[in-house]
Amino acid sequence: MMRAKLRVSHADPLAEGQESQNLTFLAVAASHYPDDGTDENNTFARWTPNAVLQITICNPELIGKFAIGDEFYVDFTKVATPE
């Protein structure tokens, strides 16, 4: 239904034995885009100029896997209403 492109802007530092991690993602943007507008982030920024996603992860397989500056596609799919 909708796809956003987000960049990790904050990741809590990890302490030994930590069981969760707080992450913050922001909409992609750049200080300069090519004159021809071909940069993918330019397209995403046009349609989603502002976004903030804060999430706490507790899955041990994911903790420490997100680095500041990493970019991700985030897909939003509506959940079907039960009958």
C-alpha atoms as a PDB file:
ATOM      1  CA  MET A   1       0.000   0.000   0.000  1.00  0.00           C
ATOM      2  CA  MET A   2       2.886   2.391   0.794  1.00  0.00           C
ATOM      3  CA  ARG A   3       6.666   2.170   0.817  1.00  0.00           C
ATOM      4  CA  ALA A   4       8.880   4.606   2.709  1.00  0.00           C
ATOM      5  CA  LYS A   5      12.657   4.851   2.732  1.00  0.00           C
ATOM      6  CA  LEU A   6      14.118   5.563   6.156  1.00  0.00           C
ATOM      7  CA  ARG A   7      17.632   6.092   7.510  1.00  0.00           C
ATOM      8  CA  VAL A   8      18.852   5.055  10.970  1.00  0.00           C
ATOM      9  CA  SER A   9      19.555   8.286  12.845  1.00  0.00           C
ATOM     10  CA  HIS A  10      20.010   6.900  16.359  1.00  0.00           C
ATOM     11  CA  ALA A  11      20.877   3.510  17.820  1.00  0.00           C
ATOM     12  CA  ASP A  12      21.327   3.096  21.562  1.00  0.00           C
ATOM     13  CA  PRO A  13      24.872   2.081  22.437  1.00  0.00           C
ATOM     14  CA  LEU A  14      25.108  -1.584  23.313  1.00  0.00           C
ATOM     15  CA  ALA A  15      26.159  -2.775  26.757  1.00  0.00           C
ATOM     16  CA  GLU A  16      27.318  -6.323  27.314  1.00  0.00           C
ATOM     17  CA  GLY A  17      24.341  -8.600  27.857  1.00  0.00           C
ATOM     18  CA  GLN A  18      21.850  -5.951  26.685  1.00  0.00           C
ATOM     19  CA  GLU A  19      18.494  -7.515  25.853  1.00  0.00           C
ATOM     20  CA  SER A  20      16.966  -4.654  23.839  1.00  0.00           C
ATOM     21  CA  GLN A  21      17.962  -1.706  21.684  1.00  0.00           C
ATOM     22  CA  ASN A  22      16.152   1.542  20.879  1.00  0.00           C
ATOM     23  CA  LEU A  23      16.351   2.715  17.264  1.00  0.00           C
ATOM     24  CA  THR A  24      15.188   5.912  15.567  1.00  0.00           C
ATOM     25  CA  PHE A  25      14.663   6.167  11.817  1.00  0.00           C
ATOM     26  CA  LEU A  26      14.073   9.374   9.820  1.00  0.00           C
ATOM     27  CA  ALA A  27      12.863   9.911   6.257  1.00  0.00           C
ATOM     28  CA  VAL A  28      15.732   9.992   3.761  1.00  0.00           C
ATOM     29  CA  ALA A  29      16.925  13.385   2.604  1.00  0.00           C
ATOM     30  CA  ALA A  30      20.100  14.958   1.298  1.00  0.00           C
ATOM     31  CA  SER A  31      21.635  18.405   1.401  1.00  0.00           C
ATOM     32  CA  HIS A  32      22.018  18.265  -2.405  1.00  0.00           C
ATOM     33  CA  TYR A  33      20.417  16.236  -5.177  1.00  0.00           C
ATOM     34  CA  PRO A  34      21.488  15.928  -8.825  1.00  0.00           C
ATOM     35  CA  ASP A  35      20.059  18.641 -11.069  1.00  0.00           C
ATOM     36  CA  ASP A  36      18.235  16.041 -13.143  1.00  0.00           C
ATOM     37  CA  GLY A  37      16.384  14.735 -10.039  1.00  0.00           C
ATOM     38  CA  THR A  38      17.415  11.123 -10.658  1.00  0.00           C
ATOM     39  CA  ASP A  39      18.494  10.357  -7.099  1.00  0.00           C
ATOM     40  CA  GLU A  40      16.156   7.767  -5.527  1.00  0.00           C
ATOM     41  CA  ASN A  41      16.197   9.551  -2.158  1.00  0.00           C
ATOM     42  CA  ASN A  42      14.978  12.697  -3.919  1.00  0.00           C
ATOM     43  CA  THR A  43      11.920  10.801  -5.140  1.00  0.00           C
ATOM     44  CA  PHE A  44      11.161   9.387  -1.686  1.00  0.00           C
ATOM     45  CA  ALA A  45      11.719  12.789  -0.031  1.00  0.00           C
ATOM     46  CA  ARG A  46       9.275  14.393  -2.440  1.00  0.00           C
ATOM     47  CA  TRP A  47       6.404  12.118  -1.417  1.00  0.00           C
ATOM     48  CA  THR A  48       7.395  11.520   2.225  1.00  0.00           C
ATOM     49  CA  PRO A  49       9.331  14.637   3.247  1.00  0.00           C
ATOM     50  CA  ASN A  50       9.065  13.948   6.972  1.00  0.00           C
ATOM     51  CA  ALA A  51       8.900  10.699   8.912  1.00  0.00           C
ATOM     52  CA  VAL A  52      10.064   9.503  12.324  1.00  0.00           C
ATOM     53  CA  LEU A  53       9.915   5.884  13.454  1.00  0.00           C
ATOM     54  CA  GLN A  54      11.055   4.859  16.920  1.00  0.00           C
ATOM     55  CA  ILE A  55      11.252   1.180  17.691  1.00  0.00           C
ATOM     56  CA  THR A  56      12.620  -1.015  20.459  1.00  0.00           C
ATOM     57  CA  ILE A  57      13.902  -4.386  19.357  1.00  0.00           C
ATOM     58  CA  CYS A  58      14.285  -7.348  21.706  1.00  0.00           C
ATOM     59  CA  ASN A  59      15.211 -10.037  19.171  1.00  0.00           C
ATOM     60  CA  PRO A  60      18.783 -11.076  20.066  1.00  0.00           C
ATOM     61  CA  GLU A  61      19.456 -11.826  16.381  1.00  0.00           C
ATOM     62  CA  LEU A  62      18.804  -8.156  15.462  1.00  0.00           C
ATOM     63  CA  ILE A  63      20.396  -6.257  18.344  1.00  0.00           C
ATOM     64  CA  GLY A  64      23.492  -4.459  17.106  1.00  0.00           C
ATOM     65  CA  LYS A  65      22.668  -5.066  13.419  1.00  0.00           C
ATOM     66  CA  PHE A  66      21.476  -1.500  12.683  1.00  0.00           C
ATOM     67  CA  ALA A  67      24.132   1.171  12.127  1.00  0.00           C
ATOM     68  CA  ILE A  68      23.608   4.917  11.985  1.00  0.00           C
ATOM     69  CA  GLY A  69      23.277   5.908   8.336  1.00  0.00           C
ATOM     70  CA  ASP A  70      21.921   2.542   7.144  1.00  0.00           C
ATOM     71  CA  GLU A  71      18.890   2.951   4.898  1.00  0.00           C
ATOM     72  CA  PHE A  72      15.855   0.664   4.758  1.00  0.00           C
ATOM     73  CA  TYR A  73      12.664   0.343   2.793  1.00  0.00           C
ATOM     74  CA  VAL A  74       9.663   0.126   5.099  1.00  0.00           C
ATOM     75  CA  ASP A  75       6.520  -1.343   3.597  1.00  0.00           C
ATOM     76  CA  PHE A  76       3.089  -0.620   5.052  1.00  0.00           C
ATOM     77  CA  THR A  77       0.465  -3.226   4.295  1.00  0.00           C
ATOM     78  CA  LYS A  78      -3.009  -2.860   5.733  1.00  0.00           C
ATOM     79  CA  VAL A  79      -4.138  -5.721   7.946  1.00  0.00           C
ATOM     80  CA  ALA A  80      -7.347  -7.300   6.761  1.00  0.00           C
ATOM     81  CA  THR A  81     -10.288  -6.761   9.094  1.00  0.00           C
ATOM     82  CA  PRO A  82     -11.539 -10.097  10.490  1.00  0.00           C
ATOM     83  CA  GLU A  83     -15.083 -10.967   9.508  1.00  0.00           C
END
